[in-house]
Amino acid sequence: AAACVAGALSLEDAARVVALRSQALRALSGRGGMVSVSLPVDAVRDRLAAWGERLSVAAVNGPSAVVVSGDADALDELLAVCEAEGIRARRVPVDYASHCAHVEAIEDELRQALEEISPQSSLVPFYSTVTGGVLDTTGLDAGYWYRNLRQTVRFDEAVRALLADGFQVFVEASAHPVLTMGVEQTAEEHGTRVTAVGSLRRDEGGLDRFLTSVAEAYVGGASVDWARMFAGTGARRVELPTYAFQRERYWLESAGVAVSEGAAAGLGLGSADHPLLGAVVGLAGGDGVLLTGRLSLVSHGWLADHAVWGVVVVPGSALVELVLRAGDGVGCGWLEELTLE
């Protein structure tokens, strides 16, 4: 499908590859199977060593999305091991094993069946899951399509190559999306945010689902030819409403507590005449003074700009200011050292 969309294969040749390869695979029916395992590929390979050539890594779809193929009984044993270790693994609903040694039995048949296809150089860059990068599509001959079925699918490498080249929107054209999660995980590991959508979904194969997927891709940044999409339907573009979006809060707002000069005097205190302090009073037992005030995000909204690990903390500069103001009250205008714990 990708080769056809890119312009590397004609529709007829692409259909021939799909149909004849599927037909050849029937010879492998009943001999093996495939299992998806939610582990990094290196961890999967370590576990597969116990089965030798009976099991192989069939596909690497993401950082923790690996498919294993091989003998049916060996896969049963692998599933049992995964269950015992608490590893998420499930059987893929097929009764043959592609991307492993089983495929070698149909190599000659495939090469003969596909020898007449005529690949050509595509205008759209073609990122191959066989090589893990951009490929000259004149090489998409019968031999390529055999390797495509025999070798490990290097999907994760192809996605990383796309990410490195700046692509951020991924559309999985299929009857049901199975690779979008792998794309998102690979992008997350790469430190990139992407949009990954399917085209159709299981039990949702109609036009409504397809148009919904187109809209999801469009919102994520894909370019859509809407005029062609709705040609002949009478659909037209409309302007967004011209009124401004309005927000109204229904929670009661605290006005904060500030001690004015008059209020301080009424309480027998002196005004601190300071934006962070409300009142000052001399200590009865000596020459010291006590300054008091209240800080809050309501009365001092700028405090919200200073947060540590998500918690608003009064900045050290504000504490220095408070200490200096206190020093002024007793004729000590210098701060030599302030230690905060």
C-alpha atoms as a PDB file:
ATOM      1  CA  ALA A   1       0.000   0.000   0.000  1.00  0.00           C
ATOM      2  CA  ALA A   2       2.771   2.446   0.906  1.00  0.00           C
ATOM      3  CA  ALA A   3       4.682   1.659  -2.291  1.00  0.00           C
ATOM      4  CA  CYS A   4       1.549   2.318  -4.335  1.00  0.00           C
ATOM      5  CA  VAL A   5       0.780   5.617  -2.577  1.00  0.00           C
ATOM      6  CA  ALA A   6       4.395   6.749  -3.025  1.00  0.00           C
ATOM      7  CA  GLY A   7       4.190   6.022  -6.748  1.00  0.00           C
ATOM      8  CA  ALA A   8       6.725   3.192  -6.737  1.00  0.00           C
ATOM      9  CA  LEU A   9       4.256   0.506  -7.825  1.00  0.00           C
ATOM     10  CA  SER A  10       1.204   0.728 -10.020  1.00  0.00           C
ATOM     11  CA  LEU A  11      -2.089  -0.219  -8.418  1.00  0.00           C
ATOM     12  CA  GLU A  12      -2.025  -3.476 -10.383  1.00  0.00           C
ATOM     13  CA  ASP A  13       1.501  -4.394  -9.251  1.00  0.00           C
ATOM     14  CA  ALA A  14       0.741  -3.480  -5.629  1.00  0.00           C
ATOM     15  CA  ALA A  15      -2.383  -5.639  -5.684  1.00  0.00           C
ATOM     16  CA  ARG A  16      -0.348  -8.459  -7.241  1.00  0.00           C
ATOM     17  CA  VAL A  17       2.182  -8.320  -4.384  1.00  0.00           C
ATOM     18  CA  VAL A  18      -0.588  -8.418  -1.768  1.00  0.00           C
ATOM     19  CA  ALA A  19      -2.616 -11.192  -3.400  1.00  0.00           C
ATOM     20  CA  LEU A  20       0.169 -13.518  -4.532  1.00  0.00           C
ATOM     21  CA  ARG A  21       2.168 -13.178  -1.331  1.00  0.00           C
ATOM     22  CA  SER A  22      -0.933 -13.947   0.731  1.00  0.00           C
ATOM     23  CA  GLN A  23      -1.613 -16.929  -1.484  1.00  0.00           C
ATOM     24  CA  ALA A  24       1.930 -18.244  -1.023  1.00  0.00           C
ATOM     25  CA  LEU A  25       1.664 -17.871   2.753  1.00  0.00           C
ATOM     26  CA  ARG A  26      -1.078 -20.487   2.834  1.00  0.00           C
ATOM     27  CA  ALA A  27       1.625 -23.118   2.457  1.00  0.00           C
ATOM     28  CA  LEU A  28       2.871 -22.120   5.912  1.00  0.00           C
ATOM     29  CA  SER A  29      -0.563 -22.323   7.515  1.00  0.00           C
ATOM     30  CA  GLY A  30      -0.728 -24.394  10.672  1.00  0.00           C
ATOM     31  CA  ARG A  31       3.023 -24.595  11.185  1.00  0.00           C
ATOM     32  CA  GLY A  32       3.622 -21.596  13.389  1.00  0.00           C
ATOM     33  CA  GLY A  33       2.312 -18.355  14.780  1.00  0.00           C
ATOM     34  CA  MET A  34       3.181 -14.946  16.175  1.00  0.00           C
ATOM     35  CA  VAL A  35       3.098 -13.330  19.599  1.00  0.00           C
ATOM     36  CA  SER A  36       3.402  -9.668  20.608  1.00  0.00           C
ATOM     37  CA  VAL A  37       5.487  -8.936  23.708  1.00  0.00           C
ATOM     38  CA  SER A  38       5.594  -5.663  25.630  1.00  0.00           C
ATOM     39  CA  LEU A  39       9.340  -5.559  26.264  1.00  0.00           C
ATOM     40  CA  PRO A  40      12.367  -3.823  24.694  1.00  0.00           C
ATOM     41  CA  VAL A  41      13.858  -5.829  21.835  1.00  0.00           C
ATOM     42  CA  ASP A  42      17.103  -6.621  23.695  1.00  0.00           C
ATOM     43  CA  ALA A  43      15.143  -8.121  26.595  1.00  0.00           C
ATOM     44  CA  VAL A  44      13.090 -10.189  24.135  1.00  0.00           C
ATOM     45  CA  ARG A  45      16.207 -11.491  22.369  1.00  0.00           C
ATOM     46  CA  ASP A  46      17.695 -12.513  25.721  1.00  0.00           C
ATOM     47  CA  ARG A  47      14.630 -14.636  26.440  1.00  0.00           C
ATOM     48  CA  LEU A  48      14.471 -16.121  22.927  1.00  0.00           C
ATOM     49  CA  ALA A  49      17.994 -17.534  23.234  1.00  0.00           C
ATOM     50  CA  ALA A  50      16.560 -20.541  25.074  1.00  0.00           C
ATOM     51  CA  TRP A  51      14.634 -21.604  21.945  1.00  0.00           C
ATOM     52  CA  GLY A  52      17.431 -21.157  19.393  1.00  0.00           C
ATOM     53  CA  GLU A  53      16.151 -20.909  15.810  1.00  0.00           C
ATOM     54  CA  ARG A  54      12.645 -22.014  16.766  1.00  0.00           C
ATOM     55  CA  LEU A  55      11.728 -18.413  17.611  1.00  0.00           C
ATOM     56  CA  SER A  56      12.765 -15.135  16.006  1.00  0.00           C
ATOM     57  CA  VAL A  57      12.120 -11.415  16.446  1.00  0.00           C
ATOM     58  CA  ALA A  58       9.593 -10.747  13.674  1.00  0.00           C
ATOM     59  CA  ALA A  59       9.080  -7.017  14.155  1.00  0.00           C
ATOM     60  CA  VAL A  60      10.236  -4.143  16.346  1.00  0.00           C
ATOM     61  CA  ASN A  61       7.369  -1.661  16.364  1.00  0.00           C
ATOM     62  CA  GLY A  62       8.450   0.525  19.269  1.00  0.00           C
ATOM     63  CA  PRO A  63      10.604   0.778  22.409  1.00  0.00           C
ATOM     64  CA  SER A  64       8.424  -1.836  24.159  1.00  0.00           C
ATOM     65  CA  ALA A  65       6.486  -3.340  21.267  1.00  0.00           C
ATOM     66  CA  VAL A  66       8.044  -6.462  19.781  1.00  0.00           C
ATOM     67  CA  VAL A  67       6.507  -9.296  17.758  1.00  0.00           C
ATOM     68  CA  VAL A  68       7.956 -12.817  17.930  1.00  0.00           C
ATOM     69  CA  SER A  69       7.318 -15.543  15.343  1.00  0.00           C
ATOM     70  CA  GLY A  70       8.208 -19.210  15.032  1.00  0.00           C
ATOM     71  CA  ASP A  71       7.071 -22.714  15.941  1.00  0.00           C
ATOM     72  CA  ALA A  72       3.625 -22.925  17.511  1.00  0.00           C
ATOM     73  CA  ASP A  73       4.699 -25.041  20.501  1.00  0.00           C
ATOM     74  CA  ALA A  74       7.674 -22.788  21.225  1.00  0.00           C
ATOM     75  CA  LEU A  75       5.333 -19.781  21.240  1.00  0.00           C
ATOM     76  CA  ASP A  76       3.119 -21.559  23.785  1.00  0.00           C
ATOM     77  CA  GLU A  77       6.169 -21.974  25.987  1.00  0.00           C
ATOM     78  CA  LEU A  78       7.119 -18.313  25.544  1.00  0.00           C
ATOM     79  CA  LEU A  79       3.604 -17.221  26.524  1.00  0.00           C
ATOM     80  CA  ALA A  80       3.823 -19.343  29.672  1.00  0.00           C
ATOM     81  CA  VAL A  81       7.168 -17.768  30.603  1.00  0.00           C
ATOM     82  CA  CYS A  82       5.788 -14.255  30.051  1.00  0.00           C
ATOM     83  CA  GLU A  83       2.738 -15.001  32.182  1.00  0.00           C
ATOM     84  CA  ALA A  84       4.939 -16.332  34.993  1.00  0.00           C
ATOM     85  CA  GLU A  85       7.101 -13.192  34.875  1.00  0.00           C
ATOM     86  CA  GLY A  86       4.131 -10.817  34.673  1.00  0.00           C
ATOM     87  CA  ILE A  87       5.070  -9.670  31.158  1.00  0.00           C
ATOM     88  CA  ARG A  88       2.228  -8.568  28.894  1.00  0.00           C
ATOM     89  CA  ALA A  89       2.133 -10.863  25.867  1.00  0.00           C
ATOM     90  CA  ARG A  90      -0.650 -11.985  23.542  1.00  0.00           C
ATOM     91  CA  ARG A  91      -0.974 -14.195  20.520  1.00  0.00           C
ATOM     92  CA  VAL A  92      -1.479 -12.541  17.126  1.00  0.00           C
ATOM     93  CA  PRO A  93      -4.502 -14.205  15.416  1.00  0.00           C
ATOM     94  CA  VAL A  94      -2.595 -15.941  12.576  1.00  0.00           C
ATOM     95  CA  ASP A  95      -1.574 -19.584  12.146  1.00  0.00           C
ATOM     96  CA  TYR A  96       1.631 -18.972  10.205  1.00  0.00           C
ATOM     97  CA  ALA A  97       5.003 -17.476  11.072  1.00  0.00           C
ATOM     98  CA  SER A  98       6.325 -14.718   8.835  1.00  0.00           C
ATOM     99  CA  HIS A  99       9.636 -12.882   9.355  1.00  0.00           C
ATOM    100  CA  CYS A 100      11.400 -16.067  10.408  1.00  0.00           C
ATOM    101  CA  ALA A 101      12.992 -19.180   8.860  1.00  0.00           C
ATOM    102  CA  HIS A 102       9.568 -20.609   7.966  1.00  0.00           C
ATOM    103  CA  VAL A 103       9.341 -18.136   5.058  1.00  0.00           C
ATOM    104  CA  GLU A 104      12.360 -19.653   3.330  1.00  0.00           C
ATOM    105  CA  ALA A 105      10.145 -22.527   2.204  1.00  0.00           C
ATOM    106  CA  ILE A 106       8.258 -20.234  -0.196  1.00  0.00           C
ATOM    107  CA  GLU A 107      11.164 -18.088  -1.436  1.00  0.00           C
ATOM    108  CA  ASP A 108      11.286 -19.576  -4.954  1.00  0.00           C
ATOM    109  CA  GLU A 109       7.507 -19.390  -5.327  1.00  0.00           C
ATOM    110  CA  LEU A 110       7.459 -15.720  -4.310  1.00  0.00           C
ATOM    111  CA  ARG A 111      10.280 -14.712  -6.602  1.00  0.00           C
ATOM    112  CA  GLN A 112       8.622 -16.397  -9.571  1.00  0.00           C
ATOM    113  CA  ALA A 113       5.165 -15.026  -8.770  1.00  0.00           C
ATOM    114  CA  LEU A 114       6.417 -11.437  -8.515  1.00  0.00           C
ATOM    115  CA  GLU A 115       9.128 -11.389 -11.167  1.00  0.00           C
ATOM    116  CA  GLU A 116       6.961  -9.354 -13.564  1.00  0.00           C
ATOM    117  CA  ILE A 117       6.307  -6.348 -11.313  1.00  0.00           C
ATOM    118  CA  SER A 118       7.891  -3.105 -12.528  1.00  0.00           C
ATOM    119  CA  PRO A 119       8.946  -0.800  -9.679  1.00  0.00           C
ATOM    120  CA  GLN A 120       9.919   2.744 -10.534  1.00  0.00           C
ATOM    121  CA  SER A 121      11.480   5.692  -8.769  1.00  0.00           C
ATOM    122  CA  SER A 122       8.858   7.457  -6.651  1.00  0.00           C
ATOM    123  CA  LEU A 123       8.301  11.174  -6.241  1.00  0.00           C
ATOM    124  CA  VAL A 124       7.371  10.667  -2.595  1.00  0.00           C
ATOM    125  CA  PRO A 125      10.255   9.556  -0.305  1.00  0.00           C
ATOM    126  CA  PHE A 126       9.824   5.893   0.646  1.00  0.00           C
ATOM    127  CA  TYR A 127      11.016   4.887   4.121  1.00  0.00           C
ATOM    128  CA  SER A 128      11.490   1.132   4.163  1.00  0.00           C
ATOM    129  CA  THR A 129      10.918  -1.095   7.191  1.00  0.00           C
ATOM    130  CA  VAL A 130      13.346  -3.558   5.582  1.00  0.00           C
ATOM    131  CA  THR A 131      16.298  -1.149   5.613  1.00  0.00           C
ATOM    132  CA  GLY A 132      15.095   1.249   8.333  1.00  0.00           C
ATOM    133  CA  GLY A 133      15.533   4.331   6.155  1.00  0.00           C
ATOM    134  CA  VAL A 134      14.886   5.987   2.793  1.00  0.00           C
ATOM    135  CA  LEU A 135      15.122   3.604  -0.136  1.00  0.00           C
ATOM    136  CA  ASP A 136      15.313   4.086  -3.908  1.00  0.00           C
ATOM    137  CA  THR A 137      12.044   2.461  -4.931  1.00  0.00           C
ATOM    138  CA  THR A 138      13.436   1.090  -8.176  1.00  0.00           C
ATOM    139  CA  GLY A 139      14.684  -1.686  -5.889  1.00  0.00           C
ATOM    140  CA  LEU A 140      11.185  -2.823  -4.883  1.00  0.00           C
ATOM    141  CA  ASP A 141      11.405  -5.941  -7.025  1.00  0.00           C
ATOM    142  CA  ALA A 142      10.478  -9.550  -6.254  1.00  0.00           C
ATOM    143  CA  GLY A 143      13.629 -10.002  -4.153  1.00  0.00           C
ATOM    144  CA  TYR A 144      12.717  -7.005  -2.006  1.00  0.00           C
ATOM    145  CA  TRP A 145       9.225  -8.303  -1.313  1.00  0.00           C
ATOM    146  CA  TYR A 146      10.667 -11.643  -0.255  1.00  0.00           C
ATOM    147  CA  ARG A 147      13.086  -9.930   2.156  1.00  0.00           C
ATOM    148  CA  ASN A 148      10.184  -7.786   3.334  1.00  0.00           C
ATOM    149  CA  LEU A 149       8.440 -10.995   4.410  1.00  0.00           C
ATOM    150  CA  ARG A 150      11.505 -12.875   5.675  1.00  0.00           C
ATOM    151  CA  GLN A 151      13.532 -10.315   7.624  1.00  0.00           C
ATOM    152  CA  THR A 152      12.727  -8.548  10.873  1.00  0.00           C
ATOM    153  CA  VAL A 153      10.435  -5.553  10.369  1.00  0.00           C
ATOM    154  CA  ARG A 154      12.508  -2.523  11.404  1.00  0.00           C
ATOM    155  CA  PHE A 155       9.510  -0.278  11.901  1.00  0.00           C
ATOM    156  CA  ASP A 156      10.993   1.561  14.876  1.00  0.00           C
ATOM    157  CA  GLU A 157      14.106   2.472  12.881  1.00  0.00           C
ATOM    158  CA  ALA A 158      12.006   3.774  10.001  1.00  0.00           C
ATOM    159  CA  VAL A 159       9.981   5.921  12.422  1.00  0.00           C
ATOM    160  CA  ARG A 160      13.155   7.327  14.000  1.00  0.00           C
ATOM    161  CA  ALA A 161      14.444   8.195  10.527  1.00  0.00           C
ATOM    162  CA  LEU A 162      11.178  10.025   9.809  1.00  0.00           C
ATOM    163  CA  LEU A 163      11.374  11.885  13.133  1.00  0.00           C
ATOM    164  CA  ALA A 164      14.957  12.906  12.411  1.00  0.00           C
ATOM    165  CA  ASP A 165      13.792  14.320   9.073  1.00  0.00           C
ATOM    166  CA  GLY A 166      11.124  16.434  10.782  1.00  0.00           C
ATOM    167  CA  PHE A 167       7.940  14.427  10.188  1.00  0.00           C
ATOM    168  CA  GLN A 168       5.372  14.831  12.966  1.00  0.00           C
ATOM    169  CA  VAL A 169       2.098  13.439  11.575  1.00  0.00           C
ATOM    170  CA  PHE A 170       1.678   9.678  11.081  1.00  0.00           C
ATOM    171  CA  VAL A 171      -1.373   8.021   9.501  1.00  0.00           C
ATOM    172  CA  GLU A 172      -1.677   4.246   9.679  1.00  0.00           C
ATOM    173  CA  ALA A 173      -3.692   3.161   6.638  1.00  0.00           C
ATOM    174  CA  SER A 174      -5.210  -0.125   7.777  1.00  0.00           C
ATOM    175  CA  ALA A 175      -8.419  -1.858   8.816  1.00  0.00           C
ATOM    176  CA  HIS A 176      -7.505  -1.232  12.469  1.00  0.00           C
ATOM    177  CA  PRO A 177      -4.613   0.760  13.993  1.00  0.00           C
ATOM    178  CA  VAL A 178      -1.975  -1.426  15.642  1.00  0.00           C
ATOM    179  CA  LEU A 179       1.153   0.702  15.137  1.00  0.00           C
ATOM    180  CA  THR A 180       0.091   4.148  16.380  1.00  0.00           C
ATOM    181  CA  MET A 181       1.114   3.362  19.966  1.00  0.00           C
ATOM    182  CA  GLY A 182       4.537   2.225  18.779  1.00  0.00           C
ATOM    183  CA  VAL A 183       4.928   5.482  16.842  1.00  0.00           C
ATOM    184  CA  GLU A 184       3.985   7.538  19.908  1.00  0.00           C
ATOM    185  CA  GLN A 185       6.357   5.599  22.177  1.00  0.00           C
ATOM    186  CA  THR A 186       9.230   5.967  19.718  1.00  0.00           C
ATOM    187  CA  ALA A 187       8.546   9.694  19.407  1.00  0.00           C
ATOM    188  CA  GLU A 188       8.425  10.088  23.191  1.00  0.00           C
ATOM    189  CA  GLU A 189      11.785   8.335  23.498  1.00  0.00           C
ATOM    190  CA  HIS A 190      13.065  10.630  20.753  1.00  0.00           C
ATOM    191  CA  GLY A 191      11.839  13.680  22.702  1.00  0.00           C
ATOM    192  CA  THR A 192       9.328  14.659  20.014  1.00  0.00           C
ATOM    193  CA  ARG A 193       5.581  15.121  20.172  1.00  0.00           C
ATOM    194  CA  VAL A 194       3.668  13.702  17.194  1.00  0.00           C
ATOM    195  CA  THR A 195       0.166  13.003  15.949  1.00  0.00           C
ATOM    196  CA  ALA A 196      -0.475   9.333  15.119  1.00  0.00           C
ATOM    197  CA  VAL A 197      -3.914   8.334  13.833  1.00  0.00           C
ATOM    198  CA  GLY A 198      -5.466   5.368  12.065  1.00  0.00           C
ATOM    199  CA  SER A 199      -7.728   5.408   9.030  1.00  0.00           C
ATOM    200  CA  LEU A 200     -10.396   2.813   9.839  1.00  0.00           C
ATOM    201  CA  ARG A 201     -11.142   0.840  12.991  1.00  0.00           C
ATOM    202  CA  ARG A 202     -12.449  -2.603  13.792  1.00  0.00           C
ATOM    203  CA  ASP A 203     -16.231  -2.626  13.182  1.00  0.00           C
ATOM    204  CA  GLU A 204     -15.940   0.948  11.886  1.00  0.00           C
ATOM    205  CA  GLY A 205     -15.094   0.585   8.218  1.00  0.00           C
ATOM    206  CA  GLY A 206     -17.381   3.240   6.776  1.00  0.00           C
ATOM    207  CA  LEU A 207     -16.987   6.761   5.484  1.00  0.00           C
ATOM    208  CA  ASP A 208     -17.908   8.315   8.849  1.00  0.00           C
ATOM    209  CA  ARG A 209     -14.908   6.678  10.519  1.00  0.00           C
ATOM    210  CA  PHE A 210     -12.622   7.656   7.676  1.00  0.00           C
ATOM    211  CA  LEU A 211     -13.717  11.304   7.778  1.00  0.00           C
ATOM    212  CA  THR A 212     -13.275  11.348  11.557  1.00  0.00           C
ATOM    213  CA  SER A 213      -9.733  10.072  11.106  1.00  0.00           C
ATOM    214  CA  VAL A 214      -9.081  12.753   8.464  1.00  0.00           C
ATOM    215  CA  ALA A 215     -10.278  15.387  10.945  1.00  0.00           C
ATOM    216  CA  GLU A 216      -8.023  13.963  13.679  1.00  0.00           C
ATOM    217  CA  ALA A 217      -5.046  14.109  11.321  1.00  0.00           C
ATOM    218  CA  TYR A 218      -5.952  17.676  10.286  1.00  0.00           C
ATOM    219  CA  VAL A 219      -6.113  18.844  13.896  1.00  0.00           C
ATOM    220  CA  GLY A 220      -2.689  17.264  14.387  1.00  0.00           C
ATOM    221  CA  GLY A 221      -1.178  19.255  11.512  1.00  0.00           C
ATOM    222  CA  ALA A 222      -1.845  17.195   8.382  1.00  0.00           C
ATOM    223  CA  SER A 223      -2.704  19.046   5.191  1.00  0.00           C
ATOM    224  CA  VAL A 224      -6.166  18.151   3.873  1.00  0.00           C
ATOM    225  CA  ASP A 225      -7.644  19.125   0.509  1.00  0.00           C
ATOM    226  CA  TRP A 226     -11.103  19.939   1.864  1.00  0.00           C
ATOM    227  CA  ALA A 227     -12.395  21.216  -1.481  1.00  0.00           C
ATOM    228  CA  ARG A 228     -11.691  17.848  -3.075  1.00  0.00           C
ATOM    229  CA  MET A 229     -12.928  15.979  -0.022  1.00  0.00           C
ATOM    230  CA  PHE A 230     -16.385  17.591  -0.217  1.00  0.00           C
ATOM    231  CA  ALA A 231     -16.599  18.160  -3.982  1.00  0.00           C
ATOM    232  CA  GLY A 232     -20.200  17.962  -5.195  1.00  0.00           C
ATOM    233  CA  THR A 233     -21.691  17.825  -1.696  1.00  0.00           C
ATOM    234  CA  GLY A 234     -22.607  21.494  -1.377  1.00  0.00           C
ATOM    235  CA  ALA A 235     -20.360  21.863   1.659  1.00  0.00           C
ATOM    236  CA  ARG A 236     -18.816  25.301   2.196  1.00  0.00           C
ATOM    237  CA  ARG A 237     -16.452  26.989   4.598  1.00  0.00           C
ATOM    238  CA  VAL A 238     -17.945  29.129   7.351  1.00  0.00           C
ATOM    239  CA  GLU A 239     -16.344  31.765   9.526  1.00  0.00           C
ATOM    240  CA  LEU A 240     -15.866  31.214  13.230  1.00  0.00           C
ATOM    241  CA  PRO A 241     -18.236  33.193  15.514  1.00  0.00           C
ATOM    242  CA  THR A 242     -17.100  36.792  15.805  1.00  0.00           C
ATOM    243  CA  TYR A 243     -17.858  37.195  19.518  1.00  0.00           C
ATOM    244  CA  ALA A 244     -15.010  36.871  21.960  1.00  0.00           C
ATOM    245  CA  PHE A 245     -14.791  33.780  24.089  1.00  0.00           C
ATOM    246  CA  GLN A 246     -15.790  34.751  27.615  1.00  0.00           C
ATOM    247  CA  ARG A 247     -14.969  33.165  30.902  1.00  0.00           C
ATOM    248  CA  GLU A 248     -16.740  33.881  34.171  1.00  0.00           C
ATOM    249  CA  ARG A 249     -15.624  32.571  37.544  1.00  0.00           C
ATOM    250  CA  TYR A 250     -18.262  31.646  40.084  1.00  0.00           C
ATOM    251  CA  TRP A 251     -15.938  31.172  43.066  1.00  0.00           C
ATOM    252  CA  LEU A 252     -15.827  33.869  45.730  1.00  0.00           C
ATOM    253  CA  GLU A 253     -12.623  35.872  45.520  1.00  0.00           C
ATOM    254  CA  SER A 254     -10.841  36.918  48.710  1.00  0.00           C
ATOM    255  CA  ALA A 255      -9.929  40.593  48.724  1.00  0.00           C
ATOM    256  CA  GLY A 256      -6.952  39.913  50.961  1.00  0.00           C
ATOM    257  CA  VAL A 257      -6.211  41.530  54.302  1.00  0.00           C
ATOM    258  CA  ALA A 258      -4.249  44.756  54.391  1.00  0.00           C
ATOM    259  CA  VAL A 259      -3.679  46.882  57.456  1.00  0.00           C
ATOM    260  CA  SER A 260      -4.056  50.556  56.631  1.00  0.00           C
ATOM    261  CA  GLU A 261      -2.344  53.306  58.586  1.00  0.00           C
ATOM    262  CA  GLY A 262      -5.611  54.229  60.278  1.00  0.00           C
ATOM    263  CA  ALA A 263      -6.456  50.630  61.118  1.00  0.00           C
ATOM    264  CA  ALA A 264      -3.001  50.055  62.581  1.00  0.00           C
ATOM    265  CA  ALA A 265      -3.348  53.089  64.773  1.00  0.00           C
ATOM    266  CA  GLY A 266      -6.745  51.868  65.914  1.00  0.00           C
ATOM    267  CA  LEU A 267      -5.118  48.682  67.099  1.00  0.00           C
ATOM    268  CA  GLY A 268      -2.412  50.553  68.974  1.00  0.00           C
ATOM    269  CA  LEU A 269       0.157  49.821  66.278  1.00  0.00           C
ATOM    270  CA  GLY A 270       2.240  51.886  63.948  1.00  0.00           C
ATOM    271  CA  SER A 271       2.025  51.545  60.164  1.00  0.00           C
ATOM    272  CA  ALA A 272       4.957  49.696  58.606  1.00  0.00           C
ATOM    273  CA  ASP A 273       4.589  51.778  55.415  1.00  0.00           C
ATOM    274  CA  HIS A 274       5.835  48.824  53.400  1.00  0.00           C
ATOM    275  CA  PRO A 275       4.177  46.716  50.664  1.00  0.00           C
ATOM    276  CA  LEU A 276       5.015  43.434  52.426  1.00  0.00           C
ATOM    277  CA  LEU A 277       4.350  44.526  56.012  1.00  0.00           C
ATOM    278  CA  GLY A 278       1.212  45.832  57.694  1.00  0.00           C
ATOM    279  CA  ALA A 279       2.135  47.093  61.124  1.00  0.00           C
ATOM    280  CA  VAL A 280       5.006  47.703  63.554  1.00  0.00           C
ATOM    281  CA  VAL A 281       5.050  47.770  67.339  1.00  0.00           C
ATOM    282  CA  GLY A 282       7.808  48.359  69.849  1.00  0.00           C
ATOM    283  CA  LEU A 283       8.580  45.491  72.213  1.00  0.00           C
ATOM    284  CA  ALA A 284       7.626  46.154  75.824  1.00  0.00           C
ATOM    285  CA  GLY A 285      10.683  44.510  77.303  1.00  0.00           C
ATOM    286  CA  GLY A 286      13.405  46.332  75.382  1.00  0.00           C
ATOM    287  CA  ASP A 287      14.423  48.428  72.419  1.00  0.00           C
ATOM    288  CA  GLY A 288      13.405  45.906  69.759  1.00  0.00           C
ATOM    289  CA  VAL A 289      10.489  46.172  67.352  1.00  0.00           C
ATOM    290  CA  LEU A 290       8.078  43.583  65.932  1.00  0.00           C
ATOM    291  CA  LEU A 291       6.910  43.925  62.327  1.00  0.00           C
ATOM    292  CA  THR A 292       3.952  41.930  61.102  1.00  0.00           C
ATOM    293  CA  GLY A 293       2.184  41.416  57.818  1.00  0.00           C
ATOM    294  CA  ARG A 294       0.418  38.853  55.657  1.00  0.00           C
ATOM    295  CA  LEU A 295       1.559  37.500  52.306  1.00  0.00           C
ATOM    296  CA  SER A 296      -0.823  35.696  49.980  1.00  0.00           C
ATOM    297  CA  LEU A 297      -1.227  34.991  46.280  1.00  0.00           C
ATOM    298  CA  VAL A 298      -4.349  37.161  46.305  1.00  0.00           C
ATOM    299  CA  SER A 299      -2.645  40.297  47.615  1.00  0.00           C
ATOM    300  CA  HIS A 300       0.788  39.549  46.143  1.00  0.00           C
ATOM    301  CA  GLY A 301       0.116  37.714  42.910  1.00  0.00           C
ATOM    302  CA  TRP A 302       3.747  37.934  41.788  1.00  0.00           C
ATOM    303  CA  LEU A 303       4.635  35.316  44.416  1.00  0.00           C
ATOM    304  CA  ALA A 304       3.232  32.662  42.060  1.00  0.00           C
ATOM    305  CA  ASP A 305       6.191  33.274  39.743  1.00  0.00           C
ATOM    306  CA  HIS A 306       8.540  31.742  42.327  1.00  0.00           C
ATOM    307  CA  ALA A 307       7.839  28.035  42.744  1.00  0.00           C
ATOM    308  CA  VAL A 308      10.099  25.161  43.770  1.00  0.00           C
ATOM    309  CA  TRP A 309       8.967  21.655  42.753  1.00  0.00           C
ATOM    310  CA  GLY A 310       5.481  23.037  42.149  1.00  0.00           C
ATOM    311  CA  VAL A 311       5.206  24.730  45.570  1.00  0.00           C
ATOM    312  CA  VAL A 312       5.081  28.531  45.827  1.00  0.00           C
ATOM    313  CA  VAL A 313       7.939  29.734  48.057  1.00  0.00           C
ATOM    314  CA  VAL A 314       8.666  33.259  49.242  1.00  0.00           C
ATOM    315  CA  PRO A 315      11.850  34.217  47.357  1.00  0.00           C
ATOM    316  CA  GLY A 316      15.026  34.949  49.278  1.00  0.00           C
ATOM    317  CA  SER A 317      15.101  38.501  47.936  1.00  0.00           C
ATOM    318  CA  ALA A 318      11.757  39.193  49.644  1.00  0.00           C
ATOM    319  CA  LEU A 319      13.116  37.883  52.946  1.00  0.00           C
ATOM    320  CA  VAL A 320      16.162  40.131  52.551  1.00  0.00           C
ATOM    321  CA  GLU A 321      13.817  43.080  52.017  1.00  0.00           C
ATOM    322  CA  LEU A 322      11.883  42.197  55.193  1.00  0.00           C
ATOM    323  CA  VAL A 323      15.077  41.939  57.235  1.00  0.00           C
ATOM    324  CA  LEU A 324      16.354  45.285  55.925  1.00  0.00           C
ATOM    325  CA  ARG A 325      13.047  46.946  56.781  1.00  0.00           C
ATOM    326  CA  ALA A 326      13.255  45.506  60.290  1.00  0.00           C
ATOM    327  CA  GLY A 327      16.823  46.778  60.594  1.00  0.00           C
ATOM    328  CA  ASP A 328      15.711  50.266  59.584  1.00  0.00           C
ATOM    329  CA  GLY A 329      13.305  50.203  62.542  1.00  0.00           C
ATOM    330  CA  VAL A 330      16.166  49.942  64.990  1.00  0.00           C
ATOM    331  CA  GLY A 331      18.744  52.061  63.171  1.00  0.00           C
ATOM    332  CA  CYS A 332      20.574  49.124  61.573  1.00  0.00           C
ATOM    333  CA  GLY A 333      20.554  49.602  57.807  1.00  0.00           C
ATOM    334  CA  TRP A 334      23.071  46.930  56.815  1.00  0.00           C
ATOM    335  CA  LEU A 335      22.615  43.167  56.297  1.00  0.00           C
ATOM    336  CA  GLU A 336      25.865  41.239  56.548  1.00  0.00           C
ATOM    337  CA  GLU A 337      24.603  37.676  56.146  1.00  0.00           C
ATOM    338  CA  LEU A 338      21.274  35.813  55.867  1.00  0.00           C
ATOM    339  CA  THR A 339      21.210  32.019  56.094  1.00  0.00           C
ATOM    340  CA  LEU A 340      18.077  30.136  55.001  1.00  0.00           C
ATOM    341  CA  GLU A 341      17.436  26.483  55.859  1.00  0.00           C
END
